[in-house]
Amino acid sequence: LAPLVLGVTRKIKARLLRRIGPPTWQPYVDLWKLLHK
């Protein structure tokens, strides 16, 4: 759940700045890409 908390935090920060922001599951995608490097 740690990446999910990071994704929600990024989404809230983006909304506070009136942006759309990255998807909530983006940290999972980043981890998947990092693990396959």
PDB file of all heavy atoms in Angstrom:
ATOM      1  N   LEU A   1       0.793  -1.222   0.000  1.00  0.00           N
ATOM      2  CA  LEU A   1       0.000   0.000   0.000  1.00  0.00           C
ATOM      3  C   LEU A   1       0.828   1.277   0.000  1.00  0.00           C
ATOM      4  O   LEU A   1       0.281   2.366  -0.201  1.00  0.00           O
ATOM      5  CB  LEU A   1      -0.956   0.010   1.194  1.00  0.00           C
ATOM      6  CG  LEU A   1      -2.045  -1.057   1.169  1.00  0.00           C
ATOM      7  CD1 LEU A   1      -2.906  -0.956   2.406  1.00  0.00           C
ATOM      8  CD2 LEU A   1      -2.895  -0.931  -0.083  1.00  0.00           C
ATOM      9  N   ALA A   2       2.129   1.179   0.219  1.00  0.00           N
ATOM     10  CA  ALA A   2       2.971   2.385   0.231  1.00  0.00           C
ATOM     11  C   ALA A   2       2.924   3.134  -1.099  1.00  0.00           C
ATOM     12  O   ALA A   2       2.786   4.362  -1.098  1.00  0.00           O
ATOM     13  CB  ALA A   2       4.397   2.010   0.609  1.00  0.00           C
ATOM     14  N   PRO A   3       3.014   2.461  -2.258  1.00  0.00           N
ATOM     15  CA  PRO A   3       2.904   3.216  -3.517  1.00  0.00           C
ATOM     16  C   PRO A   3       1.527   3.856  -3.713  1.00  0.00           C
ATOM     17  O   PRO A   3       1.423   4.933  -4.302  1.00  0.00           O
ATOM     18  CB  PRO A   3       3.163   2.163  -4.599  1.00  0.00           C
ATOM     19  CG  PRO A   3       3.933   1.100  -3.911  1.00  0.00           C
ATOM     20  CD  PRO A   3       3.408   1.069  -2.513  1.00  0.00           C
ATOM     21  N   LEU A   4       0.494   3.218  -3.184  1.00  0.00           N
ATOM     22  CA  LEU A   4      -0.850   3.791  -3.308  1.00  0.00           C
ATOM     23  C   LEU A   4      -0.952   5.097  -2.515  1.00  0.00           C
ATOM     24  O   LEU A   4      -1.529   6.076  -2.996  1.00  0.00           O
ATOM     25  CB  LEU A   4      -1.908   2.801  -2.830  1.00  0.00           C
ATOM     26  CG  LEU A   4      -3.345   3.278  -2.926  1.00  0.00           C
ATOM     27  CD1 LEU A   4      -3.738   3.459  -4.378  1.00  0.00           C
ATOM     28  CD2 LEU A   4      -4.266   2.317  -2.234  1.00  0.00           C
ATOM     29  N   VAL A   5      -0.374   5.116  -1.332  1.00  0.00           N
ATOM     30  CA  VAL A   5      -0.383   6.341  -0.530  1.00  0.00           C
ATOM     31  C   VAL A   5       0.371   7.452  -1.253  1.00  0.00           C
ATOM     32  O   VAL A   5      -0.073   8.609  -1.268  1.00  0.00           O
ATOM     33  CB  VAL A   5       0.218   6.067   0.870  1.00  0.00           C
ATOM     34  CG1 VAL A   5       0.406   7.352   1.646  1.00  0.00           C
ATOM     35  CG2 VAL A   5      -0.649   5.097   1.641  1.00  0.00           C
ATOM     36  N   LEU A   6       1.482   7.113  -1.865  1.00  0.00           N
ATOM     37  CA  LEU A   6       2.238   8.103  -2.641  1.00  0.00           C
ATOM     38  C   LEU A   6       1.414   8.622  -3.815  1.00  0.00           C
ATOM     39  O   LEU A   6       1.394   9.823  -4.099  1.00  0.00           O
ATOM     40  CB  LEU A   6       3.543   7.497  -3.139  1.00  0.00           C
ATOM     41  CG  LEU A   6       4.431   8.399  -3.986  1.00  0.00           C
ATOM     42  CD1 LEU A   6       4.924   9.580  -3.164  1.00  0.00           C
ATOM     43  CD2 LEU A   6       5.589   7.604  -4.541  1.00  0.00           C
ATOM     44  N   GLY A   7       0.713   7.724  -4.503  1.00  0.00           N
ATOM     45  CA  GLY A   7      -0.120   8.130  -5.633  1.00  0.00           C
ATOM     46  C   GLY A   7      -1.263   9.048  -5.215  1.00  0.00           C
ATOM     47  O   GLY A   7      -1.557  10.041  -5.892  1.00  0.00           O
ATOM     48  N   VAL A   8      -1.889   8.741  -4.095  1.00  0.00           N
ATOM     49  CA  VAL A   8      -2.982   9.583  -3.599  1.00  0.00           C
ATOM     50  C   VAL A   8      -2.440  10.950  -3.189  1.00  0.00           C
ATOM     51  O   VAL A   8      -3.052  11.986  -3.467  1.00  0.00           O
ATOM     52  CB  VAL A   8      -3.704   8.885  -2.430  1.00  0.00           C
ATOM     53  CG1 VAL A   8      -4.646   9.832  -1.714  1.00  0.00           C
ATOM     54  CG2 VAL A   8      -4.454   7.663  -2.929  1.00  0.00           C
ATOM     55  N   THR A   9      -1.264  10.963  -2.545  1.00  0.00           N
ATOM     56  CA  THR A   9      -0.656  12.232  -2.144  1.00  0.00           C
ATOM     57  C   THR A   9      -0.342  13.100  -3.355  1.00  0.00           C
ATOM     58  O   THR A   9      -0.620  14.310  -3.353  1.00  0.00           O
ATOM     59  CB  THR A   9       0.641  11.964  -1.351  1.00  0.00           C
ATOM     60  OG1 THR A   9       0.342  11.126  -0.245  1.00  0.00           O
ATOM     61  CG2 THR A   9       1.264  13.246  -0.876  1.00  0.00           C
ATOM     62  N   ARG A  10       0.202  12.499  -4.391  1.00  0.00           N
ATOM     63  CA  ARG A  10       0.504  13.264  -5.612  1.00  0.00           C
ATOM     64  C   ARG A  10      -0.767  13.788  -6.273  1.00  0.00           C
ATOM     65  O   ARG A  10      -0.788  14.901  -6.807  1.00  0.00           O
ATOM     66  CB  ARG A  10       1.271  12.388  -6.601  1.00  0.00           C
ATOM     67  CG  ARG A  10       2.703  12.154  -6.197  1.00  0.00           C
ATOM     68  CD  ARG A  10       3.394  11.286  -7.204  1.00  0.00           C
ATOM     69  NE  ARG A  10       4.783  11.049  -6.838  1.00  0.00           N
ATOM     70  CZ  ARG A  10       5.549  10.149  -7.428  1.00  0.00           C
ATOM     71  NH1 ARG A  10       5.083   9.414  -8.425  1.00  0.00           N
ATOM     72  NH2 ARG A  10       6.791   9.985  -7.031  1.00  0.00           N
ATOM     73  N   LYS A  11      -1.810  12.980  -6.243  1.00  0.00           N
ATOM     74  CA  LYS A  11      -3.082  13.397  -6.839  1.00  0.00           C
ATOM     75  C   LYS A  11      -3.681  14.577  -6.066  1.00  0.00           C
ATOM     76  O   LYS A  11      -4.166  15.546  -6.664  1.00  0.00           O
ATOM     77  CB  LYS A  11      -4.046  12.209  -6.837  1.00  0.00           C
ATOM     78  CG  LYS A  11      -5.265  12.417  -7.674  1.00  0.00           C
ATOM     79  CD  LYS A  11      -4.894  12.443  -9.123  1.00  0.00           C
ATOM     80  CE  LYS A  11      -6.001  11.877  -9.946  1.00  0.00           C
ATOM     81  NZ  LYS A  11      -5.745  12.013 -11.361  1.00  0.00           N
ATOM     82  N   ILE A  12      -3.619  14.522  -4.743  1.00  0.00           N
ATOM     83  CA  ILE A  12      -4.157  15.613  -3.927  1.00  0.00           C
ATOM     84  C   ILE A  12      -3.346  16.887  -4.134  1.00  0.00           C
ATOM     85  O   ILE A  12      -3.904  17.986  -4.262  1.00  0.00           O
ATOM     86  CB  ILE A  12      -4.196  15.200  -2.448  1.00  0.00           C
ATOM     87  CG1 ILE A  12      -5.262  14.127  -2.238  1.00  0.00           C
ATOM     88  CG2 ILE A  12      -4.465  16.397  -1.546  1.00  0.00           C
ATOM     89  CD1 ILE A  12      -5.265  13.514  -0.864  1.00  0.00           C
ATOM     90  N   LYS A  13      -2.012  16.760  -4.183  1.00  0.00           N
ATOM     91  CA  LYS A  13      -1.176  17.934  -4.432  1.00  0.00           C
ATOM     92  C   LYS A  13      -1.503  18.574  -5.777  1.00  0.00           C
ATOM     93  O   LYS A  13      -1.575  19.809  -5.896  1.00  0.00           O
ATOM     94  CB  LYS A  13       0.307  17.542  -4.414  1.00  0.00           C
ATOM     95  CG  LYS A  13       0.899  17.420  -3.060  1.00  0.00           C
ATOM     96  CD  LYS A  13       2.334  16.986  -3.228  1.00  0.00           C
ATOM     97  CE  LYS A  13       3.212  17.460  -2.139  1.00  0.00           C
ATOM     98  NZ  LYS A  13       4.614  17.080  -2.344  1.00  0.00           N
ATOM     99  N   ALA A  14      -1.694  17.750  -6.783  1.00  0.00           N
ATOM    100  CA  ALA A  14      -2.020  18.275  -8.104  1.00  0.00           C
ATOM    101  C   ALA A  14      -3.376  18.972  -8.085  1.00  0.00           C
ATOM    102  O   ALA A  14      -3.548  20.027  -8.700  1.00  0.00           O
ATOM    103  CB  ALA A  14      -2.012  17.145  -9.127  1.00  0.00           C
ATOM    104  N   ARG A  15      -4.348  18.404  -7.401  1.00  0.00           N
ATOM    105  CA  ARG A  15      -5.678  19.025  -7.332  1.00  0.00           C
ATOM    106  C   ARG A  15      -5.628  20.371  -6.602  1.00  0.00           C
ATOM    107  O   ARG A  15      -6.341  21.302  -6.956  1.00  0.00           O
ATOM    108  CB  ARG A  15      -6.674  18.095  -6.634  1.00  0.00           C
ATOM    109  CG  ARG A  15      -6.998  16.861  -7.410  1.00  0.00           C
ATOM    110  CD  ARG A  15      -7.763  17.219  -8.647  1.00  0.00           C
ATOM    111  NE  ARG A  15      -8.003  16.013  -9.423  1.00  0.00           N
ATOM    112  CZ  ARG A  15      -8.940  15.891 -10.309  1.00  0.00           C
ATOM    113  NH1 ARG A  15      -9.715  16.901 -10.571  1.00  0.00           N
ATOM    114  NH2 ARG A  15      -9.080  14.784 -10.978  1.00  0.00           N
ATOM    115  N   LEU A  16      -4.772  20.445  -5.562  1.00  0.00           N
ATOM    116  CA  LEU A  16      -4.650  21.708  -4.847  1.00  0.00           C
ATOM    117  C   LEU A  16      -4.035  22.795  -5.721  1.00  0.00           C
ATOM    118  O   LEU A  16      -4.289  23.981  -5.516  1.00  0.00           O
ATOM    119  CB  LEU A  16      -3.807  21.512  -3.578  1.00  0.00           C
ATOM    120  CG  LEU A  16      -4.487  20.745  -2.452  1.00  0.00           C
ATOM    121  CD1 LEU A  16      -3.502  20.479  -1.333  1.00  0.00           C
ATOM    122  CD2 LEU A  16      -5.694  21.500  -1.931  1.00  0.00           C
ATOM    123  N   LEU A  17      -3.232  22.388  -6.689  1.00  0.00           N
ATOM    124  CA  LEU A  17      -2.634  23.345  -7.615  1.00  0.00           C
ATOM    125  C   LEU A  17      -3.461  23.503  -8.893  1.00  0.00           C
ATOM    126  O   LEU A  17      -2.995  24.068  -9.877  1.00  0.00           O
ATOM    127  CB  LEU A  17      -1.211  22.888  -7.974  1.00  0.00           C
ATOM    128  CG  LEU A  17      -0.224  22.906  -6.814  1.00  0.00           C
ATOM    129  CD1 LEU A  17       1.090  22.263  -7.223  1.00  0.00           C
ATOM    130  CD2 LEU A  17      -0.001  24.329  -6.349  1.00  0.00           C
ATOM    131  N   ARG A  18      -4.664  22.956  -8.870  1.00  0.00           N
ATOM    132  CA  ARG A  18      -5.615  23.022  -9.992  1.00  0.00           C
ATOM    133  C   ARG A  18      -5.061  22.386 -11.255  1.00  0.00           C
ATOM    134  O   ARG A  18      -5.164  22.925 -12.351  1.00  0.00           O
ATOM    135  CB  ARG A  18      -6.043  24.455 -10.250  1.00  0.00           C
ATOM    136  CG  ARG A  18      -6.833  25.024  -9.110  1.00  0.00           C
ATOM    137  CD  ARG A  18      -7.362  26.361  -9.431  1.00  0.00           C
ATOM    138  NE  ARG A  18      -8.148  26.835  -8.275  1.00  0.00           N
ATOM    139  CZ  ARG A  18      -8.760  27.974  -8.234  1.00  0.00           C
ATOM    140  NH1 ARG A  18      -8.691  28.780  -9.261  1.00  0.00           N
ATOM    141  NH2 ARG A  18      -9.430  28.333  -7.184  1.00  0.00           N
ATOM    142  N   ARG A  19      -4.456  21.227 -11.059  1.00  0.00           N
ATOM    143  CA  ARG A  19      -3.973  20.411 -12.184  1.00  0.00           C
ATOM    144  C   ARG A  19      -4.655  19.063 -12.124  1.00  0.00           C
ATOM    145  O   ARG A  19      -5.255  18.698 -11.124  1.00  0.00           O
ATOM    146  CB  ARG A  19      -2.460  20.216 -12.093  1.00  0.00           C
ATOM    147  CG  ARG A  19      -1.672  21.484 -12.167  1.00  0.00           C
ATOM    148  CD  ARG A  19      -0.206  21.150 -12.142  1.00  0.00           C
ATOM    149  NE  ARG A  19       0.579  22.358 -11.948  1.00  0.00           N
ATOM    150  CZ  ARG A  19       1.766  22.388 -11.389  1.00  0.00           C
ATOM    151  NH1 ARG A  19       2.322  21.282 -10.969  1.00  0.00           N
ATOM    152  NH2 ARG A  19       2.406  23.517 -11.250  1.00  0.00           N
ATOM    153  N   ILE A  20      -4.518  18.306 -13.199  1.00  0.00           N
ATOM    154  CA  ILE A  20      -5.104  16.968 -13.220  1.00  0.00           C
ATOM    155  C   ILE A  20      -4.237  15.995 -12.447  1.00  0.00           C
ATOM    156  O   ILE A  20      -4.704  15.214 -11.642  1.00  0.00           O
ATOM    157  CB  ILE A  20      -5.300  16.478 -14.673  1.00  0.00           C
ATOM    158  CG1 ILE A  20      -6.306  17.375 -15.367  1.00  0.00           C
ATOM    159  CG2 ILE A  20      -5.749  15.028 -14.690  1.00  0.00           C
ATOM    160  CD1 ILE A  20      -6.466  17.074 -16.827  1.00  0.00           C
ATOM    161  N   GLY A  21      -2.948  16.033 -12.696  1.00  0.00           N
ATOM    162  CA  GLY A  21      -2.018  15.176 -11.968  1.00  0.00           C
ATOM    163  C   GLY A  21      -1.920  13.782 -12.564  1.00  0.00           C
ATOM    164  O   GLY A  21      -2.698  13.395 -13.441  1.00  0.00           O
ATOM    165  N   PRO A  22      -0.947  13.008 -12.084  1.00  0.00           N
ATOM    166  CA  PRO A  22      -0.764  11.646 -12.594  1.00  0.00           C
ATOM    167  C   PRO A  22      -1.850  10.714 -12.060  1.00  0.00           C
ATOM    168  O   PRO A  22      -2.503  11.019 -11.064  1.00  0.00           O
ATOM    169  CB  PRO A  22       0.611  11.255 -12.041  1.00  0.00           C
ATOM    170  CG  PRO A  22       0.729  12.028 -10.782  1.00  0.00           C
ATOM    171  CD  PRO A  22       0.033  13.336 -11.058  1.00  0.00           C
ATOM    172  N   PRO A  23      -2.029   9.578 -12.708  1.00  0.00           N
ATOM    173  CA  PRO A  23      -2.991   8.615 -12.176  1.00  0.00           C
ATOM    174  C   PRO A  23      -2.548   8.112 -10.797  1.00  0.00           C
ATOM    175  O   PRO A  23      -1.369   8.123 -10.465  1.00  0.00           O
ATOM    176  CB  PRO A  23      -2.973   7.464 -13.184  1.00  0.00           C
ATOM    177  CG  PRO A  23      -2.171   7.925 -14.333  1.00  0.00           C
ATOM    178  CD  PRO A  23      -1.426   9.136 -13.944  1.00  0.00           C
ATOM    179  N   THR A  24      -3.492   7.649 -10.021  1.00  0.00           N
ATOM    180  CA  THR A  24      -3.194   7.177  -8.667  1.00  0.00           C
ATOM    181  C   THR A  24      -2.274   5.968  -8.686  1.00  0.00           C
ATOM    182  O   THR A  24      -1.459   5.797  -7.793  1.00  0.00           O
ATOM    183  CB  THR A  24      -4.502   6.825  -7.949  1.00  0.00           C
ATOM    184  OG1 THR A  24      -5.392   7.942  -8.058  1.00  0.00           O
ATOM    185  CG2 THR A  24      -4.266   6.558  -6.483  1.00  0.00           C
ATOM    186  N   TRP A  25      -2.360   5.137  -9.699  1.00  0.00           N
ATOM    187  CA  TRP A  25      -1.551   3.914  -9.767  1.00  0.00           C
ATOM    188  C   TRP A  25      -0.185   4.146 -10.427  1.00  0.00           C
ATOM    189  O   TRP A  25       0.564   3.203 -10.655  1.00  0.00           O
ATOM    190  CB  TRP A  25      -2.309   2.821 -10.507  1.00  0.00           C
ATOM    191  CG  TRP A  25      -2.612   3.179 -11.923  1.00  0.00           C
ATOM    192  CD1 TRP A  25      -1.812   2.989 -13.004  1.00  0.00           C
ATOM    193  CD2 TRP A  25      -3.787   3.818 -12.428  1.00  0.00           C
ATOM    194  NE1 TRP A  25      -2.415   3.475 -14.145  1.00  0.00           N
ATOM    195  CE2 TRP A  25      -3.624   3.982 -13.813  1.00  0.00           C
ATOM    196  CE3 TRP A  25      -4.966   4.256 -11.836  1.00  0.00           C
ATOM    197  CZ2 TRP A  25      -4.593   4.575 -14.599  1.00  0.00           C
ATOM    198  CZ3 TRP A  25      -5.926   4.836 -12.631  1.00  0.00           C
ATOM    199  CH2 TRP A  25      -5.728   4.990 -13.994  1.00  0.00           C
ATOM    200  N   GLN A  26       0.171   5.384 -10.697  1.00  0.00           N
ATOM    201  CA  GLN A  26       1.439   5.686 -11.364  1.00  0.00           C
ATOM    202  C   GLN A  26       2.667   5.158 -10.603  1.00  0.00           C
ATOM    203  O   GLN A  26       3.606   4.665 -11.228  1.00  0.00           O
ATOM    204  CB  GLN A  26       1.568   7.188 -11.599  1.00  0.00           C
ATOM    205  CG  GLN A  26       2.787   7.569 -12.413  1.00  0.00           C
ATOM    206  CD  GLN A  26       2.737   7.034 -13.831  1.00  0.00           C
ATOM    207  OE1 GLN A  26       1.694   7.085 -14.472  1.00  0.00           O
ATOM    208  NE2 GLN A  26       3.839   6.505 -14.311  1.00  0.00           N
ATOM    209  N   PRO A  27       2.723   5.222  -9.259  1.00  0.00           N
ATOM    210  CA  PRO A  27       3.884   4.643  -8.573  1.00  0.00           C
ATOM    211  C   PRO A  27       4.050   3.143  -8.824  1.00  0.00           C
ATOM    212  O   PRO A  27       5.175   2.637  -8.885  1.00  0.00           O
ATOM    213  CB  PRO A  27       3.610   4.927  -7.105  1.00  0.00           C
ATOM    214  CG  PRO A  27       2.760   6.139  -7.113  1.00  0.00           C
ATOM    215  CD  PRO A  27       1.901   6.007  -8.333  1.00  0.00           C
ATOM    216  N   TYR A  28       2.948   2.418  -8.977  1.00  0.00           N
ATOM    217  CA  TYR A  28       3.049   0.986  -9.302  1.00  0.00           C
ATOM    218  C   TYR A  28       3.656   0.796 -10.689  1.00  0.00           C
ATOM    219  O   TYR A  28       4.476  -0.096 -10.896  1.00  0.00           O
ATOM    220  CB  TYR A  28       1.671   0.310  -9.236  1.00  0.00           C
ATOM    221  CG  TYR A  28       1.113   0.207  -7.847  1.00  0.00           C
ATOM    222  CD1 TYR A  28       0.048   0.991  -7.441  1.00  0.00           C
ATOM    223  CD2 TYR A  28       1.644  -0.690  -6.929  1.00  0.00           C
ATOM    224  CE1 TYR A  28      -0.477   0.889  -6.172  1.00  0.00           C
ATOM    225  CE2 TYR A  28       1.132  -0.801  -5.662  1.00  0.00           C
ATOM    226  CZ  TYR A  28       0.069  -0.001  -5.287  1.00  0.00           C
ATOM    227  OH  TYR A  28      -0.436  -0.106  -4.028  1.00  0.00           O
ATOM    228  N   VAL A  29       3.265   1.631 -11.637  1.00  0.00           N
ATOM    229  CA  VAL A  29       3.818   1.561 -12.991  1.00  0.00           C
ATOM    230  C   VAL A  29       5.311   1.877 -12.966  1.00  0.00           C
ATOM    231  O   VAL A  29       6.118   1.204 -13.624  1.00  0.00           O
ATOM    232  CB  VAL A  29       3.052   2.510 -13.938  1.00  0.00           C
ATOM    233  CG1 VAL A  29       3.700   2.556 -15.306  1.00  0.00           C
ATOM    234  CG2 VAL A  29       1.595   2.110 -14.031  1.00  0.00           C
ATOM    235  N   ASP A  30       5.679   2.886 -12.183  1.00  0.00           N
ATOM    236  CA  ASP A  30       7.093   3.251 -12.065  1.00  0.00           C
ATOM    237  C   ASP A  30       7.911   2.128 -11.437  1.00  0.00           C
ATOM    238  O   ASP A  30       9.029   1.842 -11.879  1.00  0.00           O
ATOM    239  CB  ASP A  30       7.242   4.527 -11.244  1.00  0.00           C
ATOM    240  CG  ASP A  30       6.624   5.739 -11.917  1.00  0.00           C
ATOM    241  OD1 ASP A  30       6.415   5.687 -13.156  1.00  0.00           O
ATOM    242  OD2 ASP A  30       6.352   6.727 -11.212  1.00  0.00           O
ATOM    243  N   LEU A  31       7.361   1.497 -10.405  1.00  0.00           N
ATOM    244  CA  LEU A  31       8.058   0.366  -9.780  1.00  0.00           C
ATOM    245  C   LEU A  31       8.216  -0.801 -10.749  1.00  0.00           C
ATOM    246  O   LEU A  31       9.267  -1.449 -10.792  1.00  0.00           O
ATOM    247  CB  LEU A  31       7.298  -0.109  -8.541  1.00  0.00           C
ATOM    248  CG  LEU A  31       7.577   0.644  -7.265  1.00  0.00           C
ATOM    249  CD1 LEU A  31       6.654   0.150  -6.161  1.00  0.00           C
ATOM    250  CD2 LEU A  31       9.011   0.495  -6.847  1.00  0.00           C
ATOM    251  N   TRP A  32       7.177  -1.088 -11.515  1.00  0.00           N
ATOM    252  CA  TRP A  32       7.241  -2.179 -12.493  1.00  0.00           C
ATOM    253  C   TRP A  32       8.348  -1.914 -13.514  1.00  0.00           C
ATOM    254  O   TRP A  32       9.121  -2.797 -13.852  1.00  0.00           O
ATOM    255  CB  TRP A  32       5.891  -2.324 -13.185  1.00  0.00           C
ATOM    256  CG  TRP A  32       5.856  -3.418 -14.191  1.00  0.00           C
ATOM    257  CD1 TRP A  32       5.998  -3.307 -15.535  1.00  0.00           C
ATOM    258  CD2 TRP A  32       5.675  -4.803 -13.924  1.00  0.00           C
ATOM    259  NE1 TRP A  32       5.914  -4.529 -16.134  1.00  0.00           N
ATOM    260  CE2 TRP A  32       5.716  -5.480 -15.163  1.00  0.00           C
ATOM    261  CE3 TRP A  32       5.472  -5.542 -12.772  1.00  0.00           C
ATOM    262  CZ2 TRP A  32       5.570  -6.842 -15.266  1.00  0.00           C
ATOM    263  CZ3 TRP A  32       5.322  -6.908 -12.881  1.00  0.00           C
ATOM    264  CH2 TRP A  32       5.373  -7.539 -14.115  1.00  0.00           C
ATOM    265  N   LYS A  33       8.397  -0.669 -13.995  1.00  0.00           N
ATOM    266  CA  LYS A  33       9.418  -0.316 -14.979  1.00  0.00           C
ATOM    267  C   LYS A  33      10.820  -0.372 -14.354  1.00  0.00           C
ATOM    268  O   LYS A  33      11.769  -0.840 -14.985  1.00  0.00           O
ATOM    269  CB  LYS A  33       9.132   1.086 -15.517  1.00  0.00           C
ATOM    270  CG  LYS A  33       9.896   1.394 -16.772  1.00  0.00           C
ATOM    271  CD  LYS A  33       9.359   2.549 -17.591  1.00  0.00           C
ATOM    272  CE  LYS A  33       9.031   3.791 -16.872  1.00  0.00           C
ATOM    273  NZ  LYS A  33       8.829   4.941 -17.775  1.00  0.00           N
ATOM    274  N   LEU A  34      10.939   0.088 -13.124  1.00  0.00           N
ATOM    275  CA  LEU A  34      12.228   0.076 -12.444  1.00  0.00           C
ATOM    276  C   LEU A  34      12.725  -1.341 -12.177  1.00  0.00           C
ATOM    277  O   LEU A  34      13.915  -1.630 -12.323  1.00  0.00           O
ATOM    278  CB  LEU A  34      12.126   0.844 -11.123  1.00  0.00           C
ATOM    279  CG  LEU A  34      13.386   0.949 -10.288  1.00  0.00           C
ATOM    280  CD1 LEU A  34      14.435   1.779 -11.026  1.00  0.00           C
ATOM    281  CD2 LEU A  34      13.084   1.558  -8.943  1.00  0.00           C
ATOM    282  N   LEU A  35      11.828  -2.232 -11.809  1.00  0.00           N
ATOM    283  CA  LEU A  35      12.225  -3.611 -11.522  1.00  0.00           C
ATOM    284  C   LEU A  35      12.632  -4.381 -12.771  1.00  0.00           C
ATOM    285  O   LEU A  35      13.304  -5.405 -12.669  1.00  0.00           O
ATOM    286  CB  LEU A  35      11.100  -4.346 -10.793  1.00  0.00           C
ATOM    287  CG  LEU A  35      10.863  -3.897  -9.360  1.00  0.00           C
ATOM    288  CD1 LEU A  35       9.640  -4.592  -8.794  1.00  0.00           C
ATOM    289  CD2 LEU A  35      12.076  -4.158  -8.495  1.00  0.00           C
ATOM    290  N   HIS A  36      12.216  -3.916 -13.933  1.00  0.00           N
ATOM    291  CA  HIS A  36      12.562  -4.610 -15.168  1.00  0.00           C
ATOM    292  C   HIS A  36      13.742  -3.983 -15.912  1.00  0.00           C
ATOM    293  O   HIS A  36      14.046  -4.384 -17.024  1.00  0.00           O
ATOM    294  CB  HIS A  36      11.336  -4.680 -16.084  1.00  0.00           C
ATOM    295  CG  HIS A  36      10.346  -5.680 -15.604  1.00  0.00           C
ATOM    296  ND1 HIS A  36       9.425  -5.389 -14.634  1.00  0.00           N
ATOM    297  CD2 HIS A  36      10.156  -6.980 -15.918  1.00  0.00           C
ATOM    298  CE1 HIS A  36       8.701  -6.459 -14.399  1.00  0.00           C
ATOM    299  NE2 HIS A  36       9.122  -7.437 -15.162  1.00  0.00           N
ATOM    300  N   LYS A  37      14.384  -3.011 -15.280  1.00  0.00           N
ATOM    301  CA  LYS A  37      15.569  -2.418 -15.885  1.00  0.00           C
ATOM    302  C   LYS A  37      16.780  -3.301 -15.628  1.00  0.00           C
ATOM    303  O   LYS A  37      16.845  -4.020 -14.634  1.00  0.00           O
ATOM    304  CB  LYS A  37      15.844  -1.032 -15.290  1.00  0.00           C
ATOM    305  CG  LYS A  37      14.971   0.051 -15.799  1.00  0.00           C
ATOM    306  CD  LYS A  37      15.362   1.340 -15.143  1.00  0.00           C
ATOM    307  CE  LYS A  37      15.714   2.340 -16.200  1.00  0.00           C
ATOM    308  NZ  LYS A  37      16.088   3.628 -15.621  1.00  0.00           N
TER     309      LYS A  37
END
